[in-house]
Amino acid sequence: MAAVECPGRRSILLPTGYGVRCTARWGDGRGFGLGGHTAATAEGALEWMRRRVREAAEQLDTPAPALAERWLADRVEQDHAVDVLKAGAGYDLDLVSDGVRYAFRARVEYWPEVTVAADGP
């Protein structure tokens, strides 16, 4: 469908929340989803990510648990992750165990593009 020009109006993306996903990926490209969550706030998204990282670390072999514990204890990095999400960028954390990469991804989620008055939000 072609876009329709509307004088005095502009298109914007409206954030709806923060999506967090966890995926296991093997070196050959195969992957398996390990769950996801949508939170209303960046803090809520990071809390879910922390919980999943803690759960994963309990099941992984060395050195992943030590890396996970270090990340979980790093309050500066936690604050940075929230700031990154609030700024509209994504935040990623990877843990590797036995050739499998456990990817934790947090992203801002948006409604489909909407049109508003040119002097609107």
C-alpha atoms as a PDB file:
ATOM      1  CA  MET A   1       0.000   0.000   0.000  1.00  0.00           C
ATOM      2  CA  ALA A   2       1.388   3.428  -0.921  1.00  0.00           C
ATOM      3  CA  ALA A   3       1.781   6.137   1.718  1.00  0.00           C
ATOM      4  CA  VAL A   4      -0.659   9.016   1.440  1.00  0.00           C
ATOM      5  CA  GLU A   5       0.693  12.540   1.948  1.00  0.00           C
ATOM      6  CA  CYS A   6      -1.340  14.477   4.509  1.00  0.00           C
ATOM      7  CA  PRO A   7      -0.488  18.192   4.656  1.00  0.00           C
ATOM      8  CA  GLY A   8      -0.020  19.344   8.244  1.00  0.00           C
ATOM      9  CA  ARG A   9       0.490  15.802   9.514  1.00  0.00           C
ATOM     10  CA  ARG A  10       3.529  13.605  10.125  1.00  0.00           C
ATOM     11  CA  SER A  11       4.162   9.953  10.901  1.00  0.00           C
ATOM     12  CA  ILE A  12       5.687   8.836  14.188  1.00  0.00           C
ATOM     13  CA  LEU A  13       6.399   5.604  16.019  1.00  0.00           C
ATOM     14  CA  LEU A  14       4.924   5.279  19.499  1.00  0.00           C
ATOM     15  CA  PRO A  15       6.677   3.016  22.013  1.00  0.00           C
ATOM     16  CA  THR A  16       4.415   0.398  23.581  1.00  0.00           C
ATOM     17  CA  GLY A  17       6.840  -1.133  26.045  1.00  0.00           C
ATOM     18  CA  TYR A  18      10.015  -3.145  26.211  1.00  0.00           C
ATOM     19  CA  GLY A  19      10.405  -6.643  24.822  1.00  0.00           C
ATOM     20  CA  VAL A  20      12.977  -9.078  26.190  1.00  0.00           C
ATOM     21  CA  ARG A  21      13.846 -12.351  24.474  1.00  0.00           C
ATOM     22  CA  CYS A  22      16.220 -15.179  25.288  1.00  0.00           C
ATOM     23  CA  THR A  23      17.490 -17.499  22.571  1.00  0.00           C
ATOM     24  CA  ALA A  24      19.981 -20.376  22.466  1.00  0.00           C
ATOM     25  CA  ARG A  25      22.038 -20.480  19.246  1.00  0.00           C
ATOM     26  CA  TRP A  26      24.396 -23.206  18.107  1.00  0.00           C
ATOM     27  CA  GLY A  27      27.434 -22.540  15.934  1.00  0.00           C
ATOM     28  CA  ASP A  28      25.698 -24.018  12.875  1.00  0.00           C
ATOM     29  CA  GLY A  29      22.990 -21.348  13.031  1.00  0.00           C
ATOM     30  CA  ARG A  30      20.264 -23.404  14.665  1.00  0.00           C
ATOM     31  CA  GLY A  31      18.400 -21.572  17.392  1.00  0.00           C
ATOM     32  CA  PHE A  32      15.783 -22.216  20.014  1.00  0.00           C
ATOM     33  CA  GLY A  33      13.650 -19.620  21.795  1.00  0.00           C
ATOM     34  CA  LEU A  34      13.905 -19.796  25.575  1.00  0.00           C
ATOM     35  CA  GLY A  35      11.162 -17.349  26.398  1.00  0.00           C
ATOM     36  CA  GLY A  36      10.260 -13.728  26.245  1.00  0.00           C
ATOM     37  CA  HIS A  37       8.489 -11.008  28.123  1.00  0.00           C
ATOM     38  CA  THR A  38       7.041  -7.575  27.445  1.00  0.00           C
ATOM     39  CA  ALA A  39       7.324  -5.008  30.215  1.00  0.00           C
ATOM     40  CA  ALA A  40       5.805  -1.559  30.547  1.00  0.00           C
ATOM     41  CA  THR A  41       9.076  -0.045  31.766  1.00  0.00           C
ATOM     42  CA  ALA A  42      12.780  -0.395  31.051  1.00  0.00           C
ATOM     43  CA  GLU A  43      13.287  -1.358  34.696  1.00  0.00           C
ATOM     44  CA  GLY A  44      10.691  -4.122  34.368  1.00  0.00           C
ATOM     45  CA  ALA A  45      12.370  -5.457  31.236  1.00  0.00           C
ATOM     46  CA  LEU A  46      15.736  -5.531  32.947  1.00  0.00           C
ATOM     47  CA  GLU A  47      14.258  -7.280  35.998  1.00  0.00           C
ATOM     48  CA  TRP A  48      12.921 -10.062  33.763  1.00  0.00           C
ATOM     49  CA  MET A  49      16.306 -10.287  32.017  1.00  0.00           C
ATOM     50  CA  ARG A  50      18.088 -10.555  35.380  1.00  0.00           C
ATOM     51  CA  ARG A  51      15.753 -13.352  36.457  1.00  0.00           C
ATOM     52  CA  ARG A  52      16.325 -15.306  33.214  1.00  0.00           C
ATOM     53  CA  VAL A  53      20.112 -14.772  33.361  1.00  0.00           C
ATOM     54  CA  ARG A  54      20.116 -16.082  36.954  1.00  0.00           C
ATOM     55  CA  GLU A  55      18.029 -19.127  35.962  1.00  0.00           C
ATOM     56  CA  ALA A  56      20.243 -19.851  32.936  1.00  0.00           C
ATOM     57  CA  ALA A  57      23.445 -19.483  34.953  1.00  0.00           C
ATOM     58  CA  GLU A  58      22.268 -22.204  37.347  1.00  0.00           C
ATOM     59  CA  GLN A  59      22.093 -24.636  34.420  1.00  0.00           C
ATOM     60  CA  LEU A  60      25.223 -23.735  32.412  1.00  0.00           C
ATOM     61  CA  ASP A  61      28.799 -24.976  32.568  1.00  0.00           C
ATOM     62  CA  THR A  62      31.886 -22.885  33.268  1.00  0.00           C
ATOM     63  CA  PRO A  63      32.652 -20.024  32.562  1.00  0.00           C
ATOM     64  CA  ALA A  64      29.081 -18.821  31.870  1.00  0.00           C
ATOM     65  CA  PRO A  65      27.888 -18.865  35.526  1.00  0.00           C
ATOM     66  CA  ALA A  66      30.790 -16.686  36.681  1.00  0.00           C
ATOM     67  CA  LEU A  67      30.175 -14.205  33.844  1.00  0.00           C
ATOM     68  CA  ALA A  68      26.461 -14.139  34.644  1.00  0.00           C
ATOM     69  CA  GLU A  69      27.108 -13.555  38.354  1.00  0.00           C
ATOM     70  CA  ARG A  70      29.517 -10.732  37.548  1.00  0.00           C
ATOM     71  CA  TRP A  71      26.902  -9.091  35.285  1.00  0.00           C
ATOM     72  CA  LEU A  72      24.166  -9.582  37.894  1.00  0.00           C
ATOM     73  CA  ALA A  73      26.305  -7.915  40.584  1.00  0.00           C
ATOM     74  CA  ASP A  74      27.307  -4.938  38.400  1.00  0.00           C
ATOM     75  CA  ARG A  75      24.880  -2.166  39.399  1.00  0.00           C
ATOM     76  CA  VAL A  76      26.601   0.359  37.132  1.00  0.00           C
ATOM     77  CA  GLU A  77      26.002  -1.907  34.138  1.00  0.00           C
ATOM     78  CA  GLN A  78      22.392  -2.469  35.238  1.00  0.00           C
ATOM     79  CA  ASP A  79      21.812   1.303  35.352  1.00  0.00           C
ATOM     80  CA  HIS A  80      23.497   1.639  31.958  1.00  0.00           C
ATOM     81  CA  ALA A  81      21.158  -1.000  30.493  1.00  0.00           C
ATOM     82  CA  VAL A  82      18.092   0.900  31.741  1.00  0.00           C
ATOM     83  CA  ASP A  83      19.460   4.174  30.337  1.00  0.00           C
ATOM     84  CA  VAL A  84      20.146   2.535  26.960  1.00  0.00           C
ATOM     85  CA  LEU A  85      16.610   1.167  26.781  1.00  0.00           C
ATOM     86  CA  LYS A  86      15.046   4.470  27.814  1.00  0.00           C
ATOM     87  CA  ALA A  87      17.056   6.177  25.051  1.00  0.00           C
ATOM     88  CA  GLY A  88      15.386   3.857  22.525  1.00  0.00           C
ATOM     89  CA  ALA A  89      18.361   1.592  21.801  1.00  0.00           C
ATOM     90  CA  GLY A  90      18.643  -2.150  22.396  1.00  0.00           C
ATOM     91  CA  TYR A  91      20.618  -3.892  25.103  1.00  0.00           C
ATOM     92  CA  ASP A  92      22.272  -7.286  24.554  1.00  0.00           C
ATOM     93  CA  LEU A  93      23.933  -9.820  26.813  1.00  0.00           C
ATOM     94  CA  ASP A  94      25.481 -13.073  25.575  1.00  0.00           C
ATOM     95  CA  LEU A  95      26.616 -16.055  27.623  1.00  0.00           C
ATOM     96  CA  VAL A  96      28.455 -18.933  25.964  1.00  0.00           C
ATOM     97  CA  SER A  97      28.557 -22.485  27.296  1.00  0.00           C
ATOM     98  CA  ASP A  98      29.613 -25.649  25.461  1.00  0.00           C
ATOM     99  CA  GLY A  99      29.499 -23.940  22.059  1.00  0.00           C
ATOM    100  CA  VAL A 100      25.982 -22.579  22.589  1.00  0.00           C
ATOM    101  CA  ARG A 101      25.401 -18.814  22.734  1.00  0.00           C
ATOM    102  CA  TYR A 102      22.601 -17.765  25.070  1.00  0.00           C
ATOM    103  CA  ALA A 103      21.461 -14.395  23.778  1.00  0.00           C
ATOM    104  CA  PHE A 104      19.441 -12.076  25.991  1.00  0.00           C
ATOM    105  CA  ARG A 105      17.990  -9.146  23.999  1.00  0.00           C
ATOM    106  CA  ALA A 106      15.960  -6.195  25.263  1.00  0.00           C
ATOM    107  CA  ARG A 107      14.364  -3.760  22.803  1.00  0.00           C
ATOM    108  CA  VAL A 108      11.831  -0.970  22.743  1.00  0.00           C
ATOM    109  CA  GLU A 109       8.644  -2.166  21.065  1.00  0.00           C
ATOM    110  CA  TYR A 110       6.527   0.175  18.967  1.00  0.00           C
ATOM    111  CA  TRP A 111       2.992   0.424  17.692  1.00  0.00           C
ATOM    112  CA  PRO A 112       2.759   0.436  13.921  1.00  0.00           C
ATOM    113  CA  GLU A 113       3.488   3.873  12.478  1.00  0.00           C
ATOM    114  CA  VAL A 114       0.740   6.426  13.194  1.00  0.00           C
ATOM    115  CA  THR A 115       0.007   9.843  11.740  1.00  0.00           C
ATOM    116  CA  VAL A 116      -0.412  12.857  14.010  1.00  0.00           C
ATOM    117  CA  ALA A 117      -0.788  16.612  13.594  1.00  0.00           C
ATOM    118  CA  ALA A 118       2.506  18.206  12.539  1.00  0.00           C
ATOM    119  CA  ASP A 119       2.693  20.091  15.852  1.00  0.00           C
ATOM    120  CA  GLY A 120       1.721  16.980  17.899  1.00  0.00           C
ATOM    121  CA  PRO A 121       3.966  14.717  19.996  1.00  0.00           C
END
